[in-house]
Protein backbone atom coordinates (compact mmCIF):
# COMPACT_ATOMS: atom_id res chain seq x y z
CA MET A 1 -0.18 9.64 -17.07
CA SER A 2 -2.00 11.64 -14.93
CA VAL A 3 -2.70 9.99 -11.49
CA PRO A 4 -4.90 11.70 -8.70
CA SER A 5 -3.39 12.12 -5.41
CA VAL A 6 -4.63 11.42 -1.92
CA VAL A 7 -3.97 14.22 0.53
CA LEU A 8 -2.59 12.60 3.87
CA ASN A 9 -3.52 13.87 7.25
CA ASN A 10 -0.23 15.73 7.42
CA GLY A 11 -0.86 17.59 3.95
CA ILE A 12 1.62 15.24 2.08
CA LYS A 13 0.14 13.89 -1.26
CA ILE A 14 0.26 10.22 -2.25
CA PRO A 15 -0.19 9.09 -5.79
CA GLN A 16 -3.58 7.07 -5.45
CA LEU A 17 -2.18 4.46 -7.93
CA GLY A 18 1.28 2.85 -7.19
CA PHE A 19 3.36 0.04 -8.24
CA GLY A 20 3.98 -2.77 -5.72
CA VAL A 21 6.83 -5.22 -5.47
CA PHE A 22 5.61 -7.88 -3.05
CA GLN A 23 6.92 -11.21 -4.25
CA VAL A 24 9.01 -9.70 -6.87
CA ASP A 25 12.39 -11.33 -6.71
CA PRO A 26 15.18 -9.13 -5.62
CA ASP A 27 17.24 -9.67 -8.98
CA ALA A 28 13.95 -8.77 -11.01
CA THR A 29 13.01 -5.76 -8.89
CA LYS A 30 15.11 -3.00 -10.47
CA ASP A 31 14.03 -3.89 -14.11
CA ALA A 32 10.17 -4.09 -12.66
CA VAL A 33 10.47 -0.79 -11.02
CA LEU A 34 12.31 0.73 -14.17
CA THR A 35 9.30 -0.21 -16.12
CA ALA A 36 6.82 1.07 -13.96
CA LEU A 37 8.51 4.56 -13.71
CA ASP A 38 8.78 4.61 -17.66
CA VAL A 39 5.15 3.68 -17.98
CA GLY A 40 4.49 6.66 -15.53
CA TYR A 41 3.93 5.34 -12.07
CA ARG A 42 5.31 7.80 -9.49
CA HIS A 43 4.66 5.77 -6.40
CA ILE A 44 6.34 2.36 -5.43
CA ASP A 45 5.48 0.13 -2.28
CA THR A 46 8.24 -2.09 -0.75
CA ALA A 47 8.98 -3.62 2.64
CA GLN A 48 11.93 -4.84 4.69
CA LEU A 49 10.06 -8.20 4.69
CA TYR A 50 10.46 -8.27 0.68
CA GLY A 51 14.06 -8.32 0.47
CA ASN A 52 14.06 -6.00 -2.60
CA GLU A 53 14.49 -2.48 -1.28
CA ARG A 54 17.89 -2.29 -3.02
CA GLY A 55 16.25 -2.82 -6.45
CA VAL A 56 13.65 -0.05 -5.73
CA GLY A 57 16.47 2.37 -4.80
CA ASP A 58 18.77 1.47 -7.82
CA ALA A 59 15.61 1.68 -10.29
CA VAL A 60 14.86 5.49 -8.94
CA ARG A 61 18.43 6.37 -9.34
CA GLU A 62 18.58 4.88 -12.78
CA SER A 63 15.27 6.09 -14.01
CA GLY A 64 16.17 9.85 -14.51
CA VAL A 65 13.13 10.44 -12.52
CA ALA A 66 13.87 13.11 -9.79
CA ARG A 67 13.92 11.37 -6.23
CA GLU A 68 11.24 13.85 -5.13
CA ASP A 69 9.22 12.85 -7.84
CA VAL A 70 8.64 9.37 -6.89
CA PHE A 71 6.61 8.57 -3.62
CA VAL A 72 8.53 5.45 -1.67
CA THR A 73 7.01 3.30 1.10
CA SER A 74 8.67 0.70 2.98
CA LYS A 75 7.68 -1.38 6.22
CA LEU A 76 9.16 -2.34 9.41
CA ASN A 77 9.99 -6.11 9.78
CA ASN A 78 8.13 -8.07 12.59
CA ASP A 79 11.23 -8.98 14.33
CA VAL A 80 12.34 -5.38 14.94
CA HIS A 81 9.59 -3.81 16.87
CA ALA A 82 11.75 -3.00 19.93
CA PRO A 83 12.32 0.83 19.52
CA ALA A 84 15.95 0.55 19.17
CA ASP A 85 15.68 -2.07 16.87
CA ALA A 86 13.14 -0.21 14.73
CA ILE A 87 15.29 3.12 14.53
CA LYS A 88 18.03 0.89 13.61
CA ALA A 89 16.29 -1.04 10.90
CA PHE A 90 14.69 2.11 9.30
CA ASP A 91 18.34 3.15 9.06
CA THR A 92 19.43 -0.09 7.50
CA SER A 93 16.50 0.59 4.84
CA LEU A 94 17.55 4.04 3.93
CA GLU A 95 21.16 2.74 3.40
CA VAL A 96 19.84 -0.29 1.17
CA LEU A 97 17.71 2.04 -0.45
CA GLY A 98 20.24 4.68 -1.02
CA PHE A 99 17.95 7.56 -0.03
CA ASP A 100 18.29 10.41 2.37
CA TYR A 101 14.67 9.99 3.45
CA LEU A 102 11.32 7.83 2.82
CA ASP A 103 8.08 9.34 2.13
CA LEU A 104 6.15 6.92 4.22
CA PHE A 105 7.15 4.26 6.58
CA LEU A 106 4.81 1.83 8.12
CA ILE A 107 4.75 -0.96 10.96
CA HIS A 108 3.99 -3.85 8.85
CA TRP A 109 2.06 -5.97 11.25
CA PRO A 110 0.77 -5.18 14.65
CA MET A 111 1.99 -8.46 16.04
CA PRO A 112 -0.34 -8.34 19.10
CA LYS A 113 0.91 -11.56 20.84
CA SER A 114 4.58 -10.28 20.55
CA ALA A 115 6.34 -9.20 23.87
CA VAL A 116 6.80 -5.79 22.23
CA ASP A 117 3.77 -3.65 22.58
CA PHE A 118 3.31 -1.77 19.22
CA VAL A 119 2.49 1.47 20.84
CA ASP A 120 6.01 1.56 21.82
CA THR A 121 7.08 0.67 18.15
CA TRP A 122 4.81 3.61 17.13
CA ARG A 123 6.85 5.97 19.45
CA ALA A 124 9.95 4.90 17.71
CA LEU A 125 8.36 5.75 14.47
CA GLU A 126 7.42 9.00 15.61
CA GLN A 127 10.92 9.56 16.62
CA ILE A 128 12.10 8.83 13.15
CA HIS A 129 9.50 11.12 11.89
CA ALA A 130 10.68 14.10 14.23
CA SER A 131 14.11 13.48 12.76
CA GLY A 132 12.93 14.66 9.27
CA ARG A 133 14.05 11.37 7.51
CA VAL A 134 10.45 10.11 6.64
CA ARG A 135 7.49 12.63 5.61
CA ALA A 136 4.73 10.34 6.81
CA ILE A 137 4.32 7.40 8.93
CA GLY A 138 1.51 4.86 9.29
CA VAL A 139 0.40 1.16 9.72
CA SER A 140 -0.44 -2.01 8.05
CA ASN A 141 -2.84 -4.93 8.87
CA PHE A 142 -4.37 -2.99 12.06
CA HIS A 143 -7.90 -3.80 12.92
CA GLU A 144 -9.98 -1.27 14.37
CA HIS A 145 -9.25 -2.04 18.21
CA HIS A 146 -5.64 -2.07 17.37
CA LEU A 147 -5.92 1.50 16.05
CA SER A 148 -8.16 2.72 18.78
CA ARG A 149 -5.57 1.35 21.11
CA LEU A 150 -2.69 3.32 19.20
CA LEU A 151 -4.52 6.50 19.02
CA GLU A 152 -4.97 6.42 22.96
CA PHE A 153 -1.13 6.97 23.05
CA ALA A 154 -0.09 8.33 19.87
CA ASP A 155 0.91 11.80 19.13
CA ILE A 156 0.88 11.47 15.57
CA VAL A 157 -2.27 9.86 13.94
CA PRO A 158 -1.15 7.17 11.42
CA ALA A 159 -1.16 8.67 7.94
CA VAL A 160 -2.62 5.31 6.39
CA ASN A 161 -3.35 1.78 7.43
CA GLN A 162 -2.51 -0.74 4.58
CA ILE A 163 -5.16 -3.73 4.69
CA GLU A 164 -6.25 -6.47 2.71
CA ILE A 165 -9.08 -5.22 0.46
CA HIS A 166 -10.67 -6.84 -2.60
CA PRO A 167 -14.08 -7.32 -3.99
CA TYR A 168 -14.35 -10.58 -1.76
CA MET A 169 -13.13 -8.49 1.26
CA SER A 170 -14.28 -5.04 1.13
CA GLN A 171 -13.37 -3.97 4.59
CA ASP A 172 -15.93 -1.17 4.38
CA SER A 173 -16.13 -0.69 8.45
CA LEU A 174 -12.32 -0.53 8.98
CA ARG A 175 -12.22 1.89 5.83
CA ALA A 176 -14.90 4.33 7.44
CA PHE A 177 -13.39 3.74 11.07
CA GLY A 178 -10.06 5.12 9.47
CA ALA A 179 -11.56 7.71 7.30
CA ALA A 180 -13.51 9.20 10.48
CA ARG A 181 -10.07 9.62 12.25
CA GLY A 182 -8.16 11.02 9.24
CA ILE A 183 -6.37 7.83 8.47
CA ALA A 184 -6.21 6.92 4.53
CA THR A 185 -6.86 3.45 3.67
CA GLN A 186 -4.54 1.35 1.33
CA ALA A 187 -5.66 -1.79 -0.22
CA TRP A 188 -3.00 -4.84 -0.55
CA SER A 189 -3.99 -7.71 -2.87
CA PRO A 190 -6.51 -5.51 -4.56
CA ILE A 191 -7.36 -8.27 -7.09
CA ALA A 192 -7.25 -11.22 -4.73
CA GLN A 193 -4.49 -12.69 -6.05
CA GLY A 194 -6.18 -12.76 -9.48
CA LEU A 195 -9.16 -14.79 -7.79
CA VAL A 196 -11.78 -12.26 -8.86
CA LEU A 197 -10.54 -11.90 -12.39
CA ASP A 198 -12.77 -14.97 -13.42
CA ASP A 199 -15.85 -13.79 -11.27
CA PRO A 200 -19.13 -13.86 -13.49
CA THR A 201 -19.80 -10.19 -12.19
CA ILE A 202 -16.39 -8.82 -12.99
CA THR A 203 -16.15 -10.51 -16.38
CA ARG A 204 -19.77 -9.46 -17.43
CA ILE A 205 -18.84 -5.88 -16.64
CA ALA A 206 -15.53 -5.95 -18.35
CA LYS A 207 -17.09 -7.12 -21.29
CA ALA A 208 -19.72 -4.52 -21.11
CA ILE A 209 -17.33 -1.57 -21.00
CA ASP A 210 -14.47 -3.18 -23.13
CA LYS A 211 -12.07 -3.10 -20.34
CA ALA A 212 -10.12 -6.02 -18.82
CA PRO A 213 -11.39 -7.37 -15.40
CA ALA A 214 -8.27 -6.24 -13.72
CA GLN A 215 -8.96 -2.80 -14.97
CA VAL A 216 -12.58 -3.15 -13.70
CA VAL A 217 -11.59 -4.11 -10.25
CA LEU A 218 -8.91 -1.64 -9.96
CA ARG A 219 -11.27 1.23 -10.88
CA TRP A 220 -13.57 0.07 -8.30
CA HIS A 221 -10.79 0.67 -5.84
CA LEU A 222 -9.93 3.95 -6.99
CA GLN A 223 -13.79 5.20 -6.99
CA ARG A 224 -14.06 3.91 -3.40
CA GLY A 225 -10.93 5.92 -2.49
CA ASP A 226 -8.60 3.25 -1.84
CA ILE A 227 -4.94 3.82 -2.51
CA VAL A 228 -3.87 0.81 -4.76
CA PHE A 229 -0.42 -0.32 -5.75
CA PRO A 230 -1.04 -3.63 -8.19
CA LYS A 231 2.24 -5.34 -9.26
CA SER A 232 3.52 -7.10 -12.23
CA VAL A 233 6.85 -8.03 -14.13
CA THR A 234 4.79 -7.95 -17.33
CA ARG A 235 5.30 -4.36 -19.15
CA SER A 236 1.82 -5.12 -21.07
CA ARG A 237 0.11 -5.84 -17.78
CA VAL A 238 2.00 -2.97 -15.92
CA GLU A 239 0.72 -0.77 -18.71
CA GLU A 240 -2.76 -2.09 -18.54
CA ASN A 241 -2.91 -1.74 -14.78
CA ALA A 242 -2.14 1.99 -15.23
CA ALA A 243 -4.74 2.73 -17.98
CA LEU A 244 -7.58 3.30 -15.65
CA PHE A 245 -8.33 7.09 -15.99
CA ASP A 246 -10.25 7.32 -19.04
CA PHE A 247 -13.39 5.30 -17.93
CA GLU A 248 -15.46 5.14 -14.91
CA LEU A 249 -17.77 2.59 -13.21
CA SER A 250 -21.49 3.44 -13.02
CA ALA A 251 -23.15 3.53 -9.54
CA GLU A 252 -24.76 0.10 -10.66
CA ASP A 253 -21.51 -1.32 -11.36
CA MET A 254 -19.83 -0.15 -8.54
CA ALA A 255 -22.81 -1.72 -6.27
CA ALA A 256 -22.58 -4.91 -8.18
CA VAL A 257 -18.84 -5.45 -7.33
CA SER A 258 -19.37 -4.29 -3.85
CA ALA A 259 -21.97 -6.90 -3.47
CA LEU A 260 -19.52 -9.58 -4.03
CA ASN A 261 -18.14 -9.18 -0.53
CA THR A 262 -18.07 -12.37 1.69
CA ASP A 263 -15.38 -11.13 3.93
CA ARG A 264 -13.15 -13.77 2.72
CA ARG A 265 -9.51 -13.21 3.85
CA LEU A 266 -6.79 -14.46 1.70
CA GLY A 267 -4.00 -13.47 3.69
CA PRO A 268 -3.37 -14.26 7.54
CA ASP A 269 -5.29 -12.66 10.12
CA PRO A 270 -3.19 -10.04 12.12
CA GLU A 271 -4.45 -11.49 15.51
CA ASP A 272 -2.79 -14.86 14.62
CA LEU A 273 0.71 -13.47 14.24
CA ASN A 274 3.05 -13.39 16.99
């Protein structure tokens, strides 16, 4: 399959459609990623918190796909924000994955109530980047004021901000804030944990264009410019989620999906984590 790429602010290209492994059991991760790579995905999103990096690395090695052809992201755990701990945790991720480098490494949550300032954590990521062991660095779940503060001190502008986005929480202001500063937006929970799939607007559009509701929602993300990585352990669903490039939503359908926004957050508010 041919997936468009988004060019990050340092010139690195990331496939706009990827495969996520959040809440995929570590014992099932290798097979799930092997399926995704066989279907044609070339972008895998994991995290230290998920506990399944090893399965991702094993799948990439066993897939027959060259390492340089698979874009792999991982994220820093919340309990290792101290700079020395962050660097050690990154080293552990590389060891567990069995890789010489990562394509993208993110601060998973800003942890604003933590004793460790996320600016100091970012400096550790900049140090990792300077070592050549990661091609791009970024953040996840950062609000506008978190980004503003980080940018006051950063030598490297984050390549991405990975945030909760779905039709019930479109995050237009935060997306625009990032875009104005060269920060691409990645969308986690792109189908709102399945809640939007029974929405009358989504099902009406899906029926009219003979597509599945999930395909409508994922296509909405792509046309907005979001980078998405839906997850499934079922091959038919993995294939369905990849079949997004033989149709487009009309301007009217895009507007109808966008009008579903109620700023309904399903995950935790980053301000509440400490």
